[in-house]
Each structure stands twice: as C-alpha cells, then as structure tokens.
N, C-alpha and C. Protein backbone atom coordinates (compact mmCIF):
# COMPACT_ATOMS: atom_id res chain seq x y z
N MET A 1 122.41 123.10 102.35
CA MET A 1 121.99 123.57 101.05
C MET A 1 120.66 122.95 100.68
N ILE A 2 120.54 121.65 100.77
CA ILE A 2 119.30 120.99 100.36
C ILE A 2 118.16 121.32 101.32
N TYR A 3 118.50 121.55 102.59
CA TYR A 3 117.44 121.89 103.56
C TYR A 3 116.87 123.28 103.29
N ILE A 4 117.73 124.20 102.89
CA ILE A 4 117.25 125.54 102.52
C ILE A 4 116.34 125.43 101.30
N TYR A 5 116.77 124.63 100.30
CA TYR A 5 115.94 124.41 99.12
C TYR A 5 114.59 123.79 99.50
N ARG A 6 114.60 122.73 100.33
CA ARG A 6 113.36 122.04 100.70
C ARG A 6 112.38 123.01 101.37
N LEU A 7 112.89 123.88 102.25
CA LEU A 7 112.03 124.87 102.89
C LEU A 7 111.48 125.84 101.86
N ALA A 8 112.34 126.32 100.96
CA ALA A 8 111.90 127.24 99.91
C ALA A 8 110.85 126.59 99.02
N ASN A 9 111.05 125.33 98.67
CA ASN A 9 110.10 124.61 97.83
C ASN A 9 108.75 124.46 98.53
N LEU A 10 108.76 124.12 99.81
CA LEU A 10 107.52 124.00 100.57
C LEU A 10 106.77 125.32 100.59
N LEU A 11 107.47 126.39 100.89
CA LEU A 11 106.83 127.70 100.92
C LEU A 11 106.32 128.11 99.53
N PHE A 12 107.05 127.75 98.48
CA PHE A 12 106.62 128.03 97.11
C PHE A 12 105.32 127.30 96.81
N ARG A 13 105.25 126.02 97.19
CA ARG A 13 104.03 125.23 96.94
C ARG A 13 102.84 125.74 97.75
N LEU A 14 103.13 126.40 98.89
CA LEU A 14 102.07 126.99 99.71
C LEU A 14 101.70 128.41 99.25
N HIS A 15 102.31 128.83 98.14
CA HIS A 15 102.04 130.14 97.53
C HIS A 15 102.38 131.31 98.45
N ILE A 16 103.41 131.14 99.24
CA ILE A 16 103.88 132.22 100.10
C ILE A 16 104.84 133.08 99.27
N PRO A 17 104.56 134.38 99.18
CA PRO A 17 105.39 135.23 98.31
C PRO A 17 106.73 135.60 98.94
N VAL A 18 107.66 135.97 98.12
CA VAL A 18 108.96 136.55 98.44
C VAL A 18 109.93 135.61 99.18
N VAL A 19 109.50 134.98 100.25
CA VAL A 19 110.39 134.17 101.09
C VAL A 19 111.09 133.05 100.31
N PRO A 20 110.38 132.27 99.46
CA PRO A 20 111.09 131.20 98.74
C PRO A 20 112.23 131.72 97.87
N TRP A 21 112.01 132.84 97.22
CA TRP A 21 113.04 133.38 96.34
C TRP A 21 114.18 134.01 97.14
N THR A 22 113.87 134.52 98.33
CA THR A 22 114.92 135.01 99.24
C THR A 22 115.80 133.85 99.69
N LEU A 23 115.19 132.70 99.98
CA LEU A 23 115.96 131.51 100.37
C LEU A 23 116.82 131.02 99.20
N LYS A 24 116.30 131.15 97.97
CA LYS A 24 117.09 130.78 96.79
C LYS A 24 118.36 131.64 96.73
N ILE A 25 118.21 132.93 96.98
CA ILE A 25 119.36 133.83 96.97
C ILE A 25 120.34 133.47 98.09
N LEU A 26 119.81 133.10 99.24
CA LEU A 26 120.67 132.67 100.35
C LEU A 26 121.50 131.45 99.94
N ASN A 27 120.86 130.48 99.28
CA ASN A 27 121.59 129.30 98.78
C ASN A 27 122.67 129.73 97.79
N ARG A 28 122.35 130.69 96.94
CA ARG A 28 123.29 131.16 95.93
C ARG A 28 124.53 131.78 96.60
N VAL A 29 124.29 132.58 97.61
CA VAL A 29 125.38 133.26 98.30
C VAL A 29 126.22 132.29 99.13
N LEU A 30 125.55 131.41 99.88
CA LEU A 30 126.27 130.51 100.78
C LEU A 30 126.95 129.35 100.07
N PHE A 31 126.30 128.80 99.03
CA PHE A 31 126.79 127.56 98.43
C PHE A 31 127.10 127.66 96.93
N SER A 32 126.91 128.82 96.32
CA SER A 32 127.15 129.00 94.88
C SER A 32 126.33 128.04 94.03
N VAL A 33 125.09 127.80 94.45
CA VAL A 33 124.17 126.96 93.69
C VAL A 33 122.94 127.78 93.36
N SER A 34 122.45 127.65 92.13
CA SER A 34 121.20 128.30 91.73
C SER A 34 120.15 127.21 91.58
N LEU A 35 119.33 127.05 92.62
CA LEU A 35 118.31 126.00 92.67
C LEU A 35 116.98 126.65 93.04
N PRO A 36 116.21 127.10 92.03
CA PRO A 36 114.95 127.79 92.30
C PRO A 36 113.96 126.91 93.08
N PRO A 37 113.11 127.54 93.89
CA PRO A 37 112.13 126.78 94.66
C PRO A 37 111.08 126.09 93.80
N SER A 38 110.95 126.47 92.54
CA SER A 38 109.97 125.86 91.65
C SER A 38 110.42 124.51 91.08
N VAL A 39 111.70 124.19 91.23
CA VAL A 39 112.24 122.93 90.71
C VAL A 39 111.73 121.76 91.55
N ARG A 40 111.38 120.66 90.88
CA ARG A 40 110.99 119.44 91.59
C ARG A 40 112.24 118.60 91.79
N VAL A 41 112.58 118.31 93.04
CA VAL A 41 113.76 117.51 93.36
C VAL A 41 113.32 116.30 94.17
N GLY A 42 113.66 115.11 93.68
CA GLY A 42 113.30 113.87 94.38
C GLY A 42 114.18 113.63 95.60
N ARG A 43 114.07 112.42 96.13
CA ARG A 43 114.85 112.06 97.32
C ARG A 43 116.26 111.61 96.95
N ASN A 44 117.15 111.75 97.93
CA ASN A 44 118.53 111.27 97.81
C ASN A 44 119.26 111.84 96.59
N VAL A 45 119.05 113.11 96.32
CA VAL A 45 119.79 113.78 95.26
C VAL A 45 121.05 114.37 95.88
N THR A 46 122.19 114.04 95.29
CA THR A 46 123.47 114.52 95.80
C THR A 46 123.99 115.62 94.89
N PHE A 47 124.22 116.78 95.49
CA PHE A 47 124.82 117.90 94.78
C PHE A 47 126.28 117.95 95.19
N GLY A 48 127.18 117.66 94.26
CA GLY A 48 128.60 117.59 94.57
C GLY A 48 129.13 118.86 95.19
N TYR A 49 129.94 118.72 96.23
CA TYR A 49 130.53 119.84 96.96
C TYR A 49 129.46 120.86 97.36
N GLN A 50 128.36 120.37 97.90
CA GLN A 50 127.23 121.20 98.36
C GLN A 50 126.67 122.10 97.26
N GLY A 51 126.75 121.65 96.02
CA GLY A 51 126.14 122.38 94.92
C GLY A 51 127.04 123.39 94.24
N LEU A 52 128.32 123.37 94.51
CA LEU A 52 129.25 124.36 93.98
C LEU A 52 129.11 124.53 92.47
N GLY A 53 128.68 125.70 92.04
CA GLY A 53 128.60 126.04 90.63
C GLY A 53 127.46 125.40 89.87
N ILE A 54 126.52 124.76 90.54
CA ILE A 54 125.41 124.10 89.85
C ILE A 54 124.29 125.10 89.60
N VAL A 55 123.78 125.09 88.35
CA VAL A 55 122.68 125.97 87.96
C VAL A 55 121.56 125.09 87.42
N VAL A 56 120.34 125.28 87.95
CA VAL A 56 119.19 124.47 87.54
C VAL A 56 118.08 125.40 87.05
N HIS A 57 117.50 125.10 85.90
CA HIS A 57 116.40 125.86 85.32
C HIS A 57 115.18 125.79 86.22
N LYS A 58 114.43 126.89 86.29
CA LYS A 58 113.28 126.95 87.19
C LYS A 58 112.17 125.96 86.84
N GLY A 59 112.16 125.42 85.63
CA GLY A 59 111.14 124.45 85.23
C GLY A 59 111.64 123.02 85.19
N ALA A 60 112.87 122.79 85.62
CA ALA A 60 113.46 121.44 85.57
C ALA A 60 112.82 120.51 86.59
N SER A 61 112.95 119.22 86.31
CA SER A 61 112.46 118.19 87.22
C SER A 61 113.58 117.17 87.43
N LEU A 62 113.93 116.95 88.70
CA LEU A 62 115.00 116.02 89.04
C LEU A 62 114.40 114.85 89.81
N GLY A 63 114.65 113.64 89.36
CA GLY A 63 114.14 112.45 90.03
C GLY A 63 114.90 112.15 91.31
N SER A 64 114.83 110.91 91.75
CA SER A 64 115.49 110.48 92.99
C SER A 64 116.81 109.76 92.69
N ASN A 65 117.67 109.71 93.69
CA ASN A 65 118.95 108.99 93.62
C ASN A 65 119.83 109.48 92.48
N ILE A 66 119.91 110.78 92.32
CA ILE A 66 120.72 111.40 91.27
C ILE A 66 121.99 111.95 91.89
N ILE A 67 123.09 111.85 91.15
CA ILE A 67 124.34 112.49 91.56
C ILE A 67 124.65 113.57 90.53
N ILE A 68 124.75 114.80 91.01
CA ILE A 68 125.07 115.93 90.15
C ILE A 68 126.40 116.50 90.62
N SER A 69 127.40 116.41 89.77
CA SER A 69 128.74 116.89 90.11
C SER A 69 128.81 118.42 90.05
N PRO A 70 129.90 119.01 90.54
CA PRO A 70 130.03 120.47 90.51
C PRO A 70 130.04 121.04 89.10
N ASN A 71 129.64 122.30 89.01
CA ASN A 71 129.67 123.09 87.77
C ASN A 71 128.78 122.53 86.66
N VAL A 72 127.68 121.91 87.02
CA VAL A 72 126.73 121.38 86.05
C VAL A 72 125.65 122.41 85.78
N VAL A 73 125.23 122.53 84.52
CA VAL A 73 124.11 123.40 84.14
C VAL A 73 122.98 122.51 83.63
N ILE A 74 121.82 122.63 84.26
CA ILE A 74 120.61 121.95 83.81
C ILE A 74 119.67 123.09 83.44
N GLY A 75 119.67 123.46 82.17
CA GLY A 75 118.98 124.69 81.78
C GLY A 75 118.23 124.63 80.48
N GLY A 76 117.71 125.78 80.10
CA GLY A 76 116.98 125.93 78.85
C GLY A 76 117.93 126.26 77.72
N LYS A 77 117.33 126.55 76.56
CA LYS A 77 118.13 126.90 75.39
C LYS A 77 118.05 128.39 75.06
N GLY A 78 117.41 129.16 75.92
CA GLY A 78 117.34 130.60 75.70
C GLY A 78 115.93 131.08 75.44
N LYS A 79 115.81 132.39 75.31
CA LYS A 79 114.50 133.01 75.11
C LYS A 79 113.85 132.49 73.83
N GLY A 80 112.54 132.28 73.91
CA GLY A 80 111.79 131.83 72.75
C GLY A 80 111.87 130.33 72.50
N ARG A 81 112.62 129.62 73.33
CA ARG A 81 112.72 128.16 73.20
C ARG A 81 112.28 127.54 74.52
N PRO A 82 110.98 127.30 74.65
CA PRO A 82 110.46 126.81 75.93
C PRO A 82 110.92 125.38 76.25
N GLY A 83 110.82 125.05 77.51
CA GLY A 83 111.13 123.69 77.95
C GLY A 83 112.37 123.63 78.81
N ALA A 84 112.32 122.68 79.72
CA ALA A 84 113.43 122.46 80.64
C ALA A 84 113.67 120.96 80.76
N PRO A 85 114.87 120.57 81.16
CA PRO A 85 115.20 119.14 81.26
C PRO A 85 114.39 118.40 82.33
N ILE A 86 114.16 117.13 82.03
CA ILE A 86 113.58 116.20 82.99
C ILE A 86 114.62 115.12 83.20
N ILE A 87 115.09 114.97 84.43
CA ILE A 87 116.10 113.98 84.76
C ILE A 87 115.40 112.89 85.57
N GLU A 88 115.39 111.67 85.05
CA GLU A 88 114.74 110.57 85.75
C GLU A 88 115.63 110.03 86.87
N ASP A 89 115.18 109.00 87.56
CA ASP A 89 115.89 108.44 88.72
C ASP A 89 117.21 107.77 88.35
N ASP A 90 118.12 107.71 89.32
CA ASP A 90 119.38 106.96 89.25
C ASP A 90 120.33 107.44 88.15
N VAL A 91 120.35 108.73 87.90
CA VAL A 91 121.21 109.31 86.88
C VAL A 91 122.47 109.88 87.54
N VAL A 92 123.60 109.79 86.84
CA VAL A 92 124.85 110.39 87.28
C VAL A 92 125.27 111.41 86.23
N ILE A 93 125.54 112.65 86.68
CA ILE A 93 125.94 113.72 85.77
C ILE A 93 127.34 114.18 86.16
N GLY A 94 128.30 114.04 85.24
CA GLY A 94 129.69 114.38 85.51
C GLY A 94 129.94 115.87 85.59
N ALA A 95 131.06 116.24 86.18
CA ALA A 95 131.43 117.64 86.41
C ALA A 95 131.46 118.43 85.11
N GLY A 96 130.89 119.63 85.17
CA GLY A 96 130.93 120.54 84.04
C GLY A 96 129.97 120.23 82.91
N ALA A 97 129.14 119.22 83.06
CA ALA A 97 128.20 118.86 81.99
C ALA A 97 127.09 119.90 81.87
N CYS A 98 126.54 120.02 80.66
CA CYS A 98 125.39 120.89 80.40
C CYS A 98 124.27 120.05 79.81
N VAL A 99 123.10 120.13 80.40
CA VAL A 99 121.90 119.46 79.89
C VAL A 99 120.95 120.59 79.53
N LEU A 100 120.71 120.80 78.24
CA LEU A 100 120.01 122.00 77.80
C LEU A 100 118.75 121.70 77.00
N GLY A 101 117.69 122.41 77.33
CA GLY A 101 116.44 122.35 76.58
C GLY A 101 115.48 121.31 77.12
N ALA A 102 114.42 121.11 76.36
CA ALA A 102 113.36 120.18 76.75
C ALA A 102 113.78 118.75 76.44
N VAL A 103 114.75 118.25 77.19
CA VAL A 103 115.25 116.89 76.99
C VAL A 103 114.90 116.02 78.19
N ARG A 104 114.85 114.73 77.95
CA ARG A 104 114.59 113.75 79.01
C ARG A 104 115.81 112.85 79.12
N ILE A 105 116.33 112.75 80.34
CA ILE A 105 117.45 111.87 80.62
C ILE A 105 116.87 110.64 81.28
N GLY A 106 116.98 109.49 80.63
CA GLY A 106 116.35 108.26 81.08
C GLY A 106 116.96 107.69 82.35
N ARG A 107 116.17 106.88 83.00
CA ARG A 107 116.56 106.24 84.27
C ARG A 107 117.88 105.48 84.12
N GLY A 108 118.79 105.70 85.06
CA GLY A 108 120.05 104.97 85.08
C GLY A 108 121.08 105.44 84.08
N ALA A 109 120.85 106.57 83.43
CA ALA A 109 121.80 107.08 82.44
C ALA A 109 123.00 107.73 83.13
N THR A 110 124.10 107.81 82.39
CA THR A 110 125.31 108.48 82.86
C THR A 110 125.72 109.51 81.82
N ILE A 111 126.00 110.72 82.30
CA ILE A 111 126.45 111.79 81.41
C ILE A 111 127.88 112.12 81.79
N GLY A 112 128.77 112.01 80.82
CA GLY A 112 130.19 112.22 81.07
C GLY A 112 130.53 113.66 81.39
N ALA A 113 131.66 113.86 82.05
CA ALA A 113 132.12 115.19 82.41
C ALA A 113 132.27 116.07 81.18
N ASN A 114 131.86 117.32 81.30
CA ASN A 114 131.96 118.34 80.26
C ASN A 114 131.17 118.04 79.00
N SER A 115 130.25 117.10 79.05
CA SER A 115 129.39 116.80 77.90
C SER A 115 128.31 117.86 77.77
N VAL A 116 127.81 118.04 76.55
CA VAL A 116 126.70 118.95 76.30
C VAL A 116 125.56 118.13 75.70
N VAL A 117 124.50 117.95 76.50
CA VAL A 117 123.36 117.13 76.09
C VAL A 117 122.28 118.03 75.52
N LEU A 118 121.94 117.80 74.24
CA LEU A 118 120.94 118.61 73.55
C LEU A 118 119.74 117.78 73.09
N SER A 119 119.81 116.46 73.29
CA SER A 119 118.70 115.59 72.90
C SER A 119 118.49 114.52 73.97
N ASP A 120 117.38 113.82 73.87
CA ASP A 120 117.03 112.81 74.88
C ASP A 120 118.12 111.75 75.00
N VAL A 121 118.25 111.23 76.23
CA VAL A 121 119.20 110.15 76.51
C VAL A 121 118.40 108.94 76.94
N ALA A 122 118.64 107.80 76.30
CA ALA A 122 117.90 106.57 76.60
C ALA A 122 118.21 106.07 78.01
N PRO A 123 117.25 105.38 78.63
CA PRO A 123 117.52 104.79 79.95
C PRO A 123 118.74 103.86 79.90
N GLY A 124 119.62 103.99 80.88
CA GLY A 124 120.79 103.13 80.98
C GLY A 124 121.94 103.49 80.07
N ALA A 125 121.79 104.51 79.25
CA ALA A 125 122.84 104.88 78.30
C ALA A 125 123.93 105.72 78.98
N THR A 126 125.12 105.69 78.40
CA THR A 126 126.21 106.58 78.80
C THR A 126 126.52 107.46 77.61
N VAL A 127 126.51 108.77 77.83
CA VAL A 127 126.78 109.71 76.74
C VAL A 127 127.96 110.60 77.12
N VAL A 128 128.74 110.97 76.10
CA VAL A 128 129.88 111.86 76.29
C VAL A 128 130.04 112.75 75.06
N GLY A 129 130.74 113.85 75.23
CA GLY A 129 131.11 114.69 74.10
C GLY A 129 130.27 115.93 73.93
N ILE A 130 130.64 116.69 72.86
CA ILE A 130 129.96 117.93 72.52
C ILE A 130 129.64 117.88 71.03
N PRO A 131 128.40 117.70 70.65
CA PRO A 131 127.25 117.35 71.48
C PRO A 131 127.37 115.90 71.96
N ALA A 132 126.69 115.60 73.05
CA ALA A 132 126.80 114.27 73.66
C ALA A 132 126.26 113.19 72.72
N LYS A 133 127.03 112.10 72.64
CA LYS A 133 126.64 110.94 71.84
C LYS A 133 126.75 109.70 72.71
N GLU A 134 125.87 108.75 72.45
CA GLU A 134 125.85 107.52 73.24
C GLU A 134 127.06 106.67 72.92
N ILE A 135 127.73 106.16 74.00
CA ILE A 135 128.86 105.27 73.79
C ILE A 135 128.59 103.88 74.37
N ILE A 136 127.72 103.80 75.38
CA ILE A 136 127.40 102.53 76.01
C ILE A 136 125.91 102.50 76.31
N HIS A 137 125.30 101.36 76.09
CA HIS A 137 123.89 101.20 76.46
C HIS A 137 123.77 99.88 77.22
N LYS A 138 123.23 99.96 78.44
CA LYS A 138 123.11 98.76 79.29
C LYS A 138 121.93 97.93 78.86
C-alpha cells in the first residue's frame, strides 16, 4: 500500500499526468485506503491493517513516525471551507477518529478512538470525545 502511494507521489511531483491518480485508485481498490498522491507523508508512517478504511484529504500533511488506526478520516470541513489537517511527528490516531479542517496536531499527541478533532491539538496532548477535548498533557 505505502509503496504504491510512494510511486504515485513521486510521479505526481514529476508532473506526470493520469498515472498518479490511477495508482491512487489501485490503492483504493486493493486496500480500501484513499491516499491521494498530493499528500505529503513522512517516514515510518503506519497505516493500521494496510490502510483499511482510511481517508486522507488531498491537501493534508503527515509527519514521520505516525500511527494511523483503521477507519480514520483526515479531511476537510466541506466546500467553501479551505484547509486540511497538518499532523506533526510521533502522533497516534485511534480507530475511527476524524481530524477535520485546517487543524494542526502537535508532535507526540494522541487522539483517542472515535474522537472528532475540530481544533488544534497541543504537542504531547491526549484528546478524546466529540468534539475532542484535552484530557492529558505531557
């Protein structure tokens, strides 16, 4: 899954038409992950169960050493509301969580399962709930 994405991303950065988006569709069909080639993904990012049910906004940025559990949405807030999430390094995102809009998730933060994040998360914080609220700060 990640190798298909890396190839698609390389071709996207080289401005090669059609092929990157075809590879995105291949990832969608084979692994049930929507990971556009325009997304910036750092090193050592783990997509739980090979990305099962994960959806990532085309403008999102994912740092390094991130764990993303299954059924996570990293997306926008809809038409007319620009911006996509920025996830910094060493973040853990629990199963079913939604990170929506132009938010920044700080380094070392933890997002609880099924949480809905609509605002920035401080580095080292743990957030849970709908909407997500901080419960622990390192």
